[in-house]
């Protein structure tokens, strides 16, 4: 089991901006209703611009058990996010979770 399914900190720590061409109304796969337009070419996942941020597609309790409601259709920033990366560890700290890469 991936640490991600028991974490979700990244989904509640960062803004998620991506090309409008990743939305399903522009030929992509991200459900249009989960994205807010920023410009003619850029949009943001709903909820990630809140303070504190929390992606609208995130289901579950951070640090316990989570899932992405659109995992198969998630935008490129989510696909590219790496478990255990510096950004991952930063998100985990924000939510008072222990580091994955404990030395």
PDB file of N, CA and C in Angstrom:
ATOM      1  N   UNK A   1       0.848  -1.183   0.000  1.00  0.00           N
ATOM      2  CA  UNK A   1       0.000   0.000   0.000  1.00  0.00           C
ATOM      3  C   UNK A   1       0.894   1.246   0.000  1.00  0.00           C
ATOM      4  N   UNK A   2       0.614   2.154  -0.851  1.00  0.00           N
ATOM      5  CA  UNK A   2       1.352   3.406  -0.943  1.00  0.00           C
ATOM      6  C   UNK A   2       1.077   4.285   0.278  1.00  0.00           C
ATOM      7  N   UNK A   3       2.093   5.016   0.700  1.00  0.00           N
ATOM      8  CA  UNK A   3       1.916   5.967   1.800  1.00  0.00           C
ATOM      9  C   UNK A   3       0.878   7.022   1.419  1.00  0.00           C
ATOM     10  N   UNK A   4       0.706   7.251   0.135  1.00  0.00           N
ATOM     11  CA  UNK A   4      -0.232   8.275  -0.332  1.00  0.00           C
ATOM     12  C   UNK A   4      -1.674   7.972   0.067  1.00  0.00           C
ATOM     13  N   UNK A   5      -2.059   6.707   0.116  1.00  0.00           N
ATOM     14  CA  UNK A   5      -3.441   6.369   0.458  1.00  0.00           C
ATOM     15  C   UNK A   5      -3.723   6.533   1.947  1.00  0.00           C
ATOM     16  N   UNK A   6      -2.674   6.808   2.723  1.00  0.00           N
ATOM     17  CA  UNK A   6      -2.858   7.078   4.146  1.00  0.00           C
ATOM     18  C   UNK A   6      -2.414   8.495   4.482  1.00  0.00           C
ATOM     19  N   UNK A   7      -2.219   9.319   3.476  1.00  0.00           N
ATOM     20  CA  UNK A   7      -1.681  10.657   3.719  1.00  0.00           C
ATOM     21  C   UNK A   7      -2.613  11.736   3.189  1.00  0.00           C
ATOM     22  N   UNK A   8      -2.462  12.110   1.925  1.00  0.00           N
ATOM     23  CA  UNK A   8      -3.283  13.154   1.324  1.00  0.00           C
ATOM     24  C   UNK A   8      -2.821  14.566   1.625  1.00  0.00           C
ATOM     25  N   UNK A   9      -1.680  14.704   2.299  1.00  0.00           N
ATOM     26  CA  UNK A   9      -1.204  16.039   2.672  1.00  0.00           C
ATOM     27  C   UNK A   9      -0.963  16.932   1.463  1.00  0.00           C
ATOM     28  N   UNK A  10      -0.482  16.367   0.373  1.00  0.00           N
ATOM     29  CA  UNK A  10      -0.217  17.184  -0.818  1.00  0.00           C
ATOM     30  C   UNK A  10      -1.507  17.788  -1.372  1.00  0.00           C
ATOM     31  N   UNK A  11      -2.599  17.047  -1.251  1.00  0.00           N
ATOM     32  CA  UNK A  11      -3.892  17.509  -1.763  1.00  0.00           C
ATOM     33  C   UNK A  11      -4.496  18.613  -0.907  1.00  0.00           C
ATOM     34  N   UNK A  12      -3.874  18.843   0.240  1.00  0.00           N
ATOM     35  CA  UNK A  12      -4.367  19.870   1.162  1.00  0.00           C
ATOM     36  C   UNK A  12      -3.241  20.812   1.559  1.00  0.00           C
ATOM     37  N   UNK A  13      -2.326  21.043   0.619  1.00  0.00           N
ATOM     38  CA  UNK A  13      -1.194  21.931   0.909  1.00  0.00           C
ATOM     39  C   UNK A  13      -0.852  22.899  -0.207  1.00  0.00           C
ATOM     40  N   UNK A  14      -1.171  22.552  -1.441  1.00  0.00           N
ATOM     41  CA  UNK A  14      -0.690  23.338  -2.578  1.00  0.00           C
ATOM     42  C   UNK A  14      -1.818  23.724  -3.526  1.00  0.00           C
ATOM     43  N   UNK A  15      -1.612  24.831  -4.232  1.00  0.00           N
ATOM     44  CA  UNK A  15      -2.488  25.169  -5.350  1.00  0.00           C
ATOM     45  C   UNK A  15      -2.159  24.212  -6.482  1.00  0.00           C
ATOM     46  N   UNK A  16      -3.177  23.841  -7.236  1.00  0.00           N
ATOM     47  CA  UNK A  16      -2.973  22.934  -8.367  1.00  0.00           C
ATOM     48  C   UNK A  16      -3.458  23.641  -9.622  1.00  0.00           C
ATOM     49  N   UNK A  17      -2.512  24.241 -10.343  1.00  0.00           N
ATOM     50  CA  UNK A  17      -2.803  24.944 -11.592  1.00  0.00           C
ATOM     51  C   UNK A  17      -2.366  24.078 -12.761  1.00  0.00           C
ATOM     52  N   UNK A  18      -3.158  24.110 -13.831  1.00  0.00           N
ATOM     53  CA  UNK A  18      -2.856  23.292 -15.004  1.00  0.00           C
ATOM     54  C   UNK A  18      -3.533  23.881 -16.241  1.00  0.00           C
ATOM     55  N   UNK A  19      -3.166  23.373 -17.387  1.00  0.00           N
ATOM     56  CA  UNK A  19      -3.691  23.856 -18.661  1.00  0.00           C
ATOM     57  C   UNK A  19      -5.174  23.526 -18.798  1.00  0.00           C
ATOM     58  N   UNK A  20      -5.935  24.458 -19.349  1.00  0.00           N
ATOM     59  CA  UNK A  20      -7.356  24.198 -19.591  1.00  0.00           C
ATOM     60  C   UNK A  20      -7.536  23.031 -20.559  1.00  0.00           C
ATOM     61  N   UNK A  21      -6.522  22.723 -21.327  1.00  0.00           N
ATOM     62  CA  UNK A  21      -6.611  21.640 -22.299  1.00  0.00           C
ATOM     63  C   UNK A  21      -6.572  20.262 -21.639  1.00  0.00           C
ATOM     64  N   UNK A  22      -6.352  20.225 -20.326  1.00  0.00           N
ATOM     65  CA  UNK A  22      -6.450  18.974 -19.578  1.00  0.00           C
ATOM     66  C   UNK A  22      -7.880  18.705 -19.108  1.00  0.00           C
ATOM     67  N   UNK A  23      -8.750  19.716 -19.208  1.00  0.00           N
ATOM     68  CA  UNK A  23     -10.155  19.554 -18.810  1.00  0.00           C
ATOM     69  C   UNK A  23     -10.931  18.799 -19.878  1.00  0.00           C
ATOM     70  N   UNK A  24     -11.966  18.097 -19.457  1.00  0.00           N
ATOM     71  CA  UNK A  24     -12.737  17.298 -20.410  1.00  0.00           C
ATOM     72  C   UNK A  24     -13.491  18.143 -21.439  1.00  0.00           C
ATOM     73  N   UNK A  25     -13.781  19.397 -21.132  1.00  0.00           N
ATOM     74  CA  UNK A  25     -14.453  20.253 -22.124  1.00  0.00           C
ATOM     75  C   UNK A  25     -13.486  20.786 -23.181  1.00  0.00           C
ATOM     76  N   UNK A  26     -12.200  20.508 -23.018  1.00  0.00           N
ATOM     77  CA  UNK A  26     -11.185  20.916 -23.992  1.00  0.00           C
ATOM     78  C   UNK A  26     -10.421  19.700 -24.527  1.00  0.00           C
ATOM     79  N   UNK A  27     -10.993  18.507 -24.385  1.00  0.00           N
ATOM     80  CA  UNK A  27     -10.369  17.308 -24.926  1.00  0.00           C
ATOM     81  C   UNK A  27      -9.534  16.520 -23.936  1.00  0.00           C
ATOM     82  N   UNK A  28      -9.394  17.017 -22.706  1.00  0.00           N
ATOM     83  CA  UNK A  28      -8.626  16.308 -21.685  1.00  0.00           C
ATOM     84  C   UNK A  28      -9.512  15.387 -20.868  1.00  0.00           C
ATOM     85  N   UNK A  29      -9.088  15.097 -19.649  1.00  0.00           N
ATOM     86  CA  UNK A  29      -9.838  14.166 -18.818  1.00  0.00           C
ATOM     87  C   UNK A  29     -10.291  14.723 -17.472  1.00  0.00           C
ATOM     88  N   UNK A  30      -9.732  15.843 -17.023  1.00  0.00           N
ATOM     89  CA  UNK A  30     -10.113  16.399 -15.722  1.00  0.00           C
ATOM     90  C   UNK A  30     -11.548  16.928 -15.826  1.00  0.00           C
ATOM     91  N   UNK A  31     -12.439  16.489 -14.932  1.00  0.00           N
ATOM     92  CA  UNK A  31     -13.814  16.984 -14.987  1.00  0.00           C
ATOM     93  C   UNK A  31     -13.872  18.513 -14.861  1.00  0.00           C
ATOM     94  N   UNK A  32     -14.512  19.139 -15.822  1.00  0.00           N
ATOM     95  CA  UNK A  32     -14.592  20.598 -15.895  1.00  0.00           C
ATOM     96  C   UNK A  32     -15.146  21.208 -14.621  1.00  0.00           C
ATOM     97  N   UNK A  33     -16.121  20.578 -14.002  1.00  0.00           N
ATOM     98  CA  UNK A  33     -16.746  21.114 -12.801  1.00  0.00           C
ATOM     99  C   UNK A  33     -15.803  21.210 -11.605  1.00  0.00           C
ATOM    100  N   UNK A  34     -14.650  20.553 -11.683  1.00  0.00           N
ATOM    101  CA  UNK A  34     -13.692  20.601 -10.580  1.00  0.00           C
ATOM    102  C   UNK A  34     -12.588  21.623 -10.810  1.00  0.00           C
ATOM    103  N   UNK A  35     -12.694  22.410 -11.875  1.00  0.00           N
ATOM    104  CA  UNK A  35     -11.650  23.385 -12.190  1.00  0.00           C
ATOM    105  C   UNK A  35     -12.236  24.785 -12.294  1.00  0.00           C
ATOM    106  N   UNK A  36     -11.457  25.750 -11.831  1.00  0.00           N
ATOM    107  CA  UNK A  36     -11.816  27.166 -11.935  1.00  0.00           C
ATOM    108  C   UNK A  36     -10.912  27.823 -12.964  1.00  0.00           C
ATOM    109  N   UNK A  37     -11.482  28.626 -13.849  1.00  0.00           N
ATOM    110  CA  UNK A  37     -10.673  29.339 -14.831  1.00  0.00           C
ATOM    111  C   UNK A  37      -9.851  30.430 -14.163  1.00  0.00           C
ATOM    112  N   UNK A  38      -8.580  30.502 -14.524  1.00  0.00           N
ATOM    113  CA  UNK A  38      -7.706  31.598 -14.081  1.00  0.00           C
ATOM    114  C   UNK A  38      -7.450  32.551 -15.238  1.00  0.00           C
ATOM    115  N   UNK A  39      -7.134  31.984 -16.400  1.00  0.00           N
ATOM    116  CA  UNK A  39      -6.923  32.748 -17.628  1.00  0.00           C
ATOM    117  C   UNK A  39      -7.546  31.942 -18.763  1.00  0.00           C
ATOM    118  N   UNK A  40      -7.324  32.371 -19.993  1.00  0.00           N
ATOM    119  CA  UNK A  40      -7.833  31.629 -21.144  1.00  0.00           C
ATOM    120  C   UNK A  40      -7.161  30.269 -21.290  1.00  0.00           C
ATOM    121  N   UNK A  41      -5.982  30.112 -20.715  1.00  0.00           N
ATOM    122  CA  UNK A  41      -5.229  28.870 -20.902  1.00  0.00           C
ATOM    123  C   UNK A  41      -4.894  28.141 -19.602  1.00  0.00           C
ATOM    124  N   UNK A  42      -5.221  28.730 -18.461  1.00  0.00           N
ATOM    125  CA  UNK A  42      -4.838  28.153 -17.174  1.00  0.00           C
ATOM    126  C   UNK A  42      -6.046  28.040 -16.250  1.00  0.00           C
ATOM    127  N   UNK A  43      -6.122  26.923 -15.531  1.00  0.00           N
ATOM    128  CA  UNK A  43      -7.189  26.751 -14.552  1.00  0.00           C
ATOM    129  C   UNK A  43      -6.610  26.144 -13.279  1.00  0.00           C
ATOM    130  N   UNK A  44      -7.442  26.043 -12.247  1.00  0.00           N
ATOM    131  CA  UNK A  44      -6.999  25.570 -10.931  1.00  0.00           C
ATOM    132  C   UNK A  44      -8.040  24.594 -10.378  1.00  0.00           C
ATOM    133  N   UNK A  45      -7.561  23.551  -9.732  1.00  0.00           N
ATOM    134  CA  UNK A  45      -8.469  22.610  -9.075  1.00  0.00           C
ATOM    135  C   UNK A  45      -9.241  23.339  -7.978  1.00  0.00           C
ATOM    136  N   UNK A  46     -10.537  23.115  -7.949  1.00  0.00           N
ATOM    137  CA  UNK A  46     -11.386  23.715  -6.913  1.00  0.00           C
ATOM    138  C   UNK A  46     -10.892  23.308  -5.533  1.00  0.00           C
ATOM    139  N   UNK A  47     -10.914  24.263  -4.636  1.00  0.00           N
ATOM    140  CA  UNK A  47     -10.523  24.019  -3.257  1.00  0.00           C
ATOM    141  C   UNK A  47      -9.055  24.275  -2.983  1.00  0.00           C
ATOM    142  N   UNK A  48      -8.218  24.220  -4.024  1.00  0.00           N
ATOM    143  CA  UNK A  48      -6.790  24.402  -3.778  1.00  0.00           C
ATOM    144  C   UNK A  48      -6.412  25.866  -3.640  1.00  0.00           C
ATOM    145  N   UNK A  49      -7.358  26.762  -3.895  1.00  0.00           N
ATOM    146  CA  UNK A  49      -7.083  28.192  -3.699  1.00  0.00           C
ATOM    147  C   UNK A  49      -7.641  28.687  -2.361  1.00  0.00           C
ATOM    148  N   UNK A  50      -8.222  27.789  -1.576  1.00  0.00           N
ATOM    149  CA  UNK A  50      -8.741  28.151  -0.258  1.00  0.00           C
ATOM    150  C   UNK A  50      -7.606  28.256   0.750  1.00  0.00           C
ATOM    151  N   UNK A  51      -7.899  28.797   1.904  1.00  0.00           N
ATOM    152  CA  UNK A  51      -6.907  28.869   2.967  1.00  0.00           C
ATOM    153  C   UNK A  51      -7.537  28.276   4.229  1.00  0.00           C
ATOM    154  N   UNK A  52      -7.166  27.097   4.635  1.00  0.00           N
ATOM    155  CA  UNK A  52      -6.145  26.246   4.033  1.00  0.00           C
ATOM    156  C   UNK A  52      -6.683  25.546   2.780  1.00  0.00           C
ATOM    157  N   UNK A  53      -5.770  25.187   1.877  1.00  0.00           N
ATOM    158  CA  UNK A  53      -6.205  24.503   0.655  1.00  0.00           C
ATOM    159  C   UNK A  53      -6.652  23.069   0.932  1.00  0.00           C
ATOM    160  N   UNK A  54      -7.588  22.602   0.137  1.00  0.00           N
ATOM    161  CA  UNK A  54      -7.992  21.193   0.138  1.00  0.00           C
ATOM    162  C   UNK A  54      -8.688  20.927  -1.184  1.00  0.00           C
ATOM    163  N   UNK A  55      -8.097  20.075  -1.988  1.00  0.00           N
ATOM    164  CA  UNK A  55      -8.647  19.766  -3.305  1.00  0.00           C
ATOM    165  C   UNK A  55     -10.056  19.200  -3.171  1.00  0.00           C
ATOM    166  N   UNK A  56     -10.938  19.645  -4.045  1.00  0.00           N
ATOM    167  CA  UNK A  56     -12.325  19.180  -4.037  1.00  0.00           C
ATOM    168  C   UNK A  56     -12.437  17.693  -4.357  1.00  0.00           C
ATOM    169  N   UNK A  57     -11.433  17.119  -4.995  1.00  0.00           N
ATOM    170  CA  UNK A  57     -11.473  15.696  -5.341  1.00  0.00           C
ATOM    171  C   UNK A  57     -10.958  14.792  -4.221  1.00  0.00           C
ATOM    172  N   UNK A  58     -10.392  15.382  -3.175  1.00  0.00           N
ATOM    173  CA  UNK A  58      -9.848  14.598  -2.062  1.00  0.00           C
ATOM    174  C   UNK A  58     -10.980  14.098  -1.169  1.00  0.00           C
ATOM    175  N   UNK A  59     -10.954  12.808  -0.901  1.00  0.00           N
ATOM    176  CA  UNK A  59     -11.944  12.214  -0.003  1.00  0.00           C
ATOM    177  C   UNK A  59     -11.208  11.516   1.135  1.00  0.00           C
ATOM    178  N   UNK A  60     -11.705  11.692   2.345  1.00  0.00           N
ATOM    179  CA  UNK A  60     -11.121  11.027   3.495  1.00  0.00           C
ATOM    180  C   UNK A  60     -10.446  11.991   4.441  1.00  0.00           C
ATOM    181  N   UNK A  61      -9.792  11.418   5.449  1.00  0.00           N
ATOM    182  CA  UNK A  61      -9.130  12.193   6.492  1.00  0.00           C
ATOM    183  C   UNK A  61      -7.628  12.175   6.280  1.00  0.00           C
ATOM    184  N   UNK A  62      -7.033  13.347   6.180  1.00  0.00           N
ATOM    185  CA  UNK A  62      -5.592  13.482   5.969  1.00  0.00           C
ATOM    186  C   UNK A  62      -4.843  12.776   7.096  1.00  0.00           C
ATOM    187  N   UNK A  63      -3.863  11.989   6.691  1.00  0.00           N
ATOM    188  CA  UNK A  63      -3.043  11.267   7.647  1.00  0.00           C
ATOM    189  C   UNK A  63      -3.648   9.967   8.123  1.00  0.00           C
ATOM    190  N   UNK A  64      -4.838   9.649   7.637  1.00  0.00           N
ATOM    191  CA  UNK A  64      -5.485   8.403   8.049  1.00  0.00           C
ATOM    192  C   UNK A  64      -5.773   7.522   6.840  1.00  0.00           C
ATOM    193  N   UNK A  65      -6.765   7.899   6.070  1.00  0.00           N
ATOM    194  CA  UNK A  65      -7.120   7.144   4.868  1.00  0.00           C
ATOM    195  C   UNK A  65      -7.743   8.114   3.884  1.00  0.00           C
ATOM    196  N   UNK A  66      -7.136   8.227   2.716  1.00  0.00           N
ATOM    197  CA  UNK A  66      -7.618   9.153   1.694  1.00  0.00           C
ATOM    198  C   UNK A  66      -7.649   8.486   0.332  1.00  0.00           C
ATOM    199  N   UNK A  67      -8.385   9.120  -0.547  1.00  0.00           N
ATOM    200  CA  UNK A  67      -8.415   8.699  -1.938  1.00  0.00           C
ATOM    201  C   UNK A  67      -8.728   9.924  -2.791  1.00  0.00           C
ATOM    202  N   UNK A  68      -8.336   9.852  -4.043  1.00  0.00           N
ATOM    203  CA  UNK A  68      -8.652  10.904  -5.004  1.00  0.00           C
ATOM    204  C   UNK A  68      -9.870  10.457  -5.795  1.00  0.00           C
ATOM    205  N   UNK A  69     -10.897  11.272  -5.778  1.00  0.00           N
ATOM    206  CA  UNK A  69     -12.123  10.945  -6.489  1.00  0.00           C
ATOM    207  C   UNK A  69     -11.985  10.926  -7.998  1.00  0.00           C
ATOM    208  N   UNK A  70     -10.893  11.504  -8.510  1.00  0.00           N
ATOM    209  CA  UNK A  70     -10.674  11.531  -9.964  1.00  0.00           C
ATOM    210  C   UNK A  70      -9.275  11.013 -10.307  1.00  0.00           C
ATOM    211  N   UNK A  71      -8.780  10.057  -9.545  1.00  0.00           N
ATOM    212  CA  UNK A  71      -7.400   9.599  -9.698  1.00  0.00           C
ATOM    213  C   UNK A  71      -7.031   9.311 -11.160  1.00  0.00           C
ATOM    214  N   UNK A  72      -7.871   8.607 -11.891  1.00  0.00           N
ATOM    215  CA  UNK A  72      -7.571   8.270 -13.293  1.00  0.00           C
ATOM    216  C   UNK A  72      -7.543   9.497 -14.189  1.00  0.00           C
ATOM    217  N   UNK A  73      -8.211  10.568 -13.765  1.00  0.00           N
ATOM    218  CA  UNK A  73      -8.349  11.772 -14.586  1.00  0.00           C
ATOM    219  C   UNK A  73      -7.663  12.977 -13.976  1.00  0.00           C
ATOM    220  N   UNK A  74      -6.829  12.775 -12.953  1.00  0.00           N
ATOM    221  CA  UNK A  74      -6.193  13.888 -12.254  1.00  0.00           C
ATOM    222  C   UNK A  74      -5.289  14.679 -13.199  1.00  0.00           C
ATOM    223  N   UNK A  75      -5.083  15.979 -12.913  1.00  0.00           N
ATOM    224  CA  UNK A  75      -4.255  16.828 -13.782  1.00  0.00           C
ATOM    225  C   UNK A  75      -2.764  16.523 -13.637  1.00  0.00           C
ATOM    226  N   UNK A  76      -1.993  17.043 -14.574  1.00  0.00           N
ATOM    227  CA  UNK A  76      -0.553  16.759 -14.645  1.00  0.00           C
ATOM    228  C   UNK A  76       0.217  17.093 -13.363  1.00  0.00           C
ATOM    229  N   UNK A  77      -0.058  18.209 -12.661  1.00  0.00           N
ATOM    230  CA  UNK A  77       0.715  18.443 -11.434  1.00  0.00           C
ATOM    231  C   UNK A  77       0.549  17.310 -10.425  1.00  0.00           C
ATOM    232  N   UNK A  78      -0.618  16.717 -10.376  1.00  0.00           N
ATOM    233  CA  UNK A  78      -0.867  15.603  -9.458  1.00  0.00           C
ATOM    234  C   UNK A  78      -0.164  14.337  -9.949  1.00  0.00           C
ATOM    235  N   UNK A  79      -0.190  14.122 -11.261  1.00  0.00           N
ATOM    236  CA  UNK A  79       0.489  12.946 -11.831  1.00  0.00           C
ATOM    237  C   UNK A  79       1.995  13.025 -11.617  1.00  0.00           C
ATOM    238  N   UNK A  80       2.532  14.226 -11.643  1.00  0.00           N
ATOM    239  CA  UNK A  80       3.979  14.420 -11.549  1.00  0.00           C
ATOM    240  C   UNK A  80       4.492  14.501 -10.116  1.00  0.00           C
ATOM    241  N   UNK A  81       3.596  14.663  -9.156  1.00  0.00           N
ATOM    242  CA  UNK A  81       3.992  14.796  -7.756  1.00  0.00           C
ATOM    243  C   UNK A  81       4.580  13.469  -7.274  1.00  0.00           C
ATOM    244  N   UNK A  82       5.744  13.523  -6.629  1.00  0.00           N
ATOM    245  CA  UNK A  82       6.425  12.305  -6.231  1.00  0.00           C
ATOM    246  C   UNK A  82       6.373  12.056  -4.731  1.00  0.00           C
ATOM    247  N   UNK A  83       5.933  10.865  -4.375  1.00  0.00           N
ATOM    248  CA  UNK A  83       5.935  10.429  -2.981  1.00  0.00           C
ATOM    249  C   UNK A  83       7.364  10.466  -2.450  1.00  0.00           C
ATOM    250  N   UNK A  84       7.540  11.099  -1.302  1.00  0.00           N
ATOM    251  CA  UNK A  84       8.859  11.178  -0.688  1.00  0.00           C
ATOM    252  C   UNK A  84       9.715  12.334  -1.163  1.00  0.00           C
ATOM    253  N   UNK A  85       9.226  13.112  -2.121  1.00  0.00           N
ATOM    254  CA  UNK A  85       9.980  14.272  -2.623  1.00  0.00           C
ATOM    255  C   UNK A  85      10.034  15.358  -1.551  1.00  0.00           C
ATOM    256  N   UNK A  86      10.851  16.378  -1.782  1.00  0.00           N
ATOM    257  CA  UNK A  86      10.925  17.503  -0.843  1.00  0.00           C
ATOM    258  C   UNK A  86       9.552  18.137  -0.648  1.00  0.00           C
ATOM    259  N   UNK A  87       8.798  18.295  -1.737  1.00  0.00           N
ATOM    260  CA  UNK A  87       7.460  18.893  -1.638  1.00  0.00           C
ATOM    261  C   UNK A  87       6.518  17.995  -0.828  1.00  0.00           C
ATOM    262  N   UNK A  88       6.651  16.691  -0.998  1.00  0.00           N
ATOM    263  CA  UNK A  88       5.853  15.733  -0.225  1.00  0.00           C
ATOM    264  C   UNK A  88       6.163  15.885   1.259  1.00  0.00           C
ATOM    265  N   UNK A  89       7.443  15.915   1.581  1.00  0.00           N
ATOM    266  CA  UNK A  89       7.840  16.040   2.984  1.00  0.00           C
ATOM    267  C   UNK A  89       7.378  17.378   3.568  1.00  0.00           C
ATOM    268  N   UNK A  90       7.418  18.433   2.767  1.00  0.00           N
ATOM    269  CA  UNK A  90       6.936  19.744   3.211  1.00  0.00           C
ATOM    270  C   UNK A  90       5.440  19.681   3.529  1.00  0.00           C
ATOM    271  N   UNK A  91       4.675  19.048   2.657  1.00  0.00           N
ATOM    272  CA  UNK A  91       3.229  18.915   2.878  1.00  0.00           C
ATOM    273  C   UNK A  91       2.953  18.093   4.136  1.00  0.00           C
ATOM    274  N   UNK A  92       3.704  17.036   4.324  1.00  0.00           N
ATOM    275  CA  UNK A  92       3.522  16.200   5.520  1.00  0.00           C
ATOM    276  C   UNK A  92       3.803  16.997   6.790  1.00  0.00           C
ATOM    277  N   UNK A  93       4.849  17.829   6.775  1.00  0.00           N
ATOM    278  CA  UNK A  93       5.155  18.674   7.941  1.00  0.00           C
ATOM    279  C   UNK A  93       4.012  19.634   8.236  1.00  0.00           C
ATOM    280  N   UNK A  94       3.431  20.219   7.190  1.00  0.00           N
ATOM    281  CA  UNK A  94       2.307  21.156   7.373  1.00  0.00           C
ATOM    282  C   UNK A  94       1.142  20.501   8.113  1.00  0.00           C
ATOM    283  N   UNK A  95       1.014  19.204   7.945  1.00  0.00           N
ATOM    284  CA  UNK A  95      -0.099  18.477   8.573  1.00  0.00           C
ATOM    285  C   UNK A  95       0.366  17.643   9.771  1.00  0.00           C
ATOM    286  N   UNK A  96       1.572  17.967  10.245  1.00  0.00           N
ATOM    287  CA  UNK A  96       2.113  17.319  11.441  1.00  0.00           C
ATOM    288  C   UNK A  96       2.216  15.806  11.309  1.00  0.00           C
ATOM    289  N   UNK A  97       2.593  15.366  10.099  1.00  0.00           N
ATOM    290  CA  UNK A  97       2.788  13.947   9.851  1.00  0.00           C
ATOM    291  C   UNK A  97       4.284  13.644   9.864  1.00  0.00           C
ATOM    292  N   UNK A  98       4.683  12.459  10.279  1.00  0.00           N
ATOM    293  CA  UNK A  98       6.105  12.126  10.317  1.00  0.00           C
ATOM    294  C   UNK A  98       6.690  12.039   8.904  1.00  0.00           C
ATOM    295  N   UNK A  99       7.969  12.300   8.763  1.00  0.00           N
ATOM    296  CA  UNK A  99       8.603  12.212   7.438  1.00  0.00           C
ATOM    297  C   UNK A  99       8.607  10.771   6.935  1.00  0.00           C
ATOM    298  N   UNK A 100       8.518  10.616   5.622  1.00  0.00           N
ATOM    299  CA  UNK A 100       8.628   9.297   5.008  1.00  0.00           C
ATOM    300  C   UNK A 100      10.080   8.864   4.964  1.00  0.00           C
ATOM    301  N   UNK A 101      10.955   9.843   4.780  1.00  0.00           N
ATOM    302  CA  UNK A 101      12.371   9.555   4.615  1.00  0.00           C
ATOM    303  C   UNK A 101      13.137   9.806   5.900  1.00  0.00           C
ATOM    304  N   UNK A 102      12.680   9.216   6.982  1.00  0.00           N
ATOM    305  CA  UNK A 102      13.362   9.405   8.268  1.00  0.00           C
ATOM    306  C   UNK A 102      14.760   8.810   8.205  1.00  0.00           C
ATOM    307  N   UNK A 103      15.719   9.573   8.659  1.00  0.00           N
ATOM    308  CA  UNK A 103      17.107   9.098   8.630  1.00  0.00           C
ATOM    309  C   UNK A 103      17.504   8.552   9.977  1.00  0.00           C
TER     310      UNK A 103
END
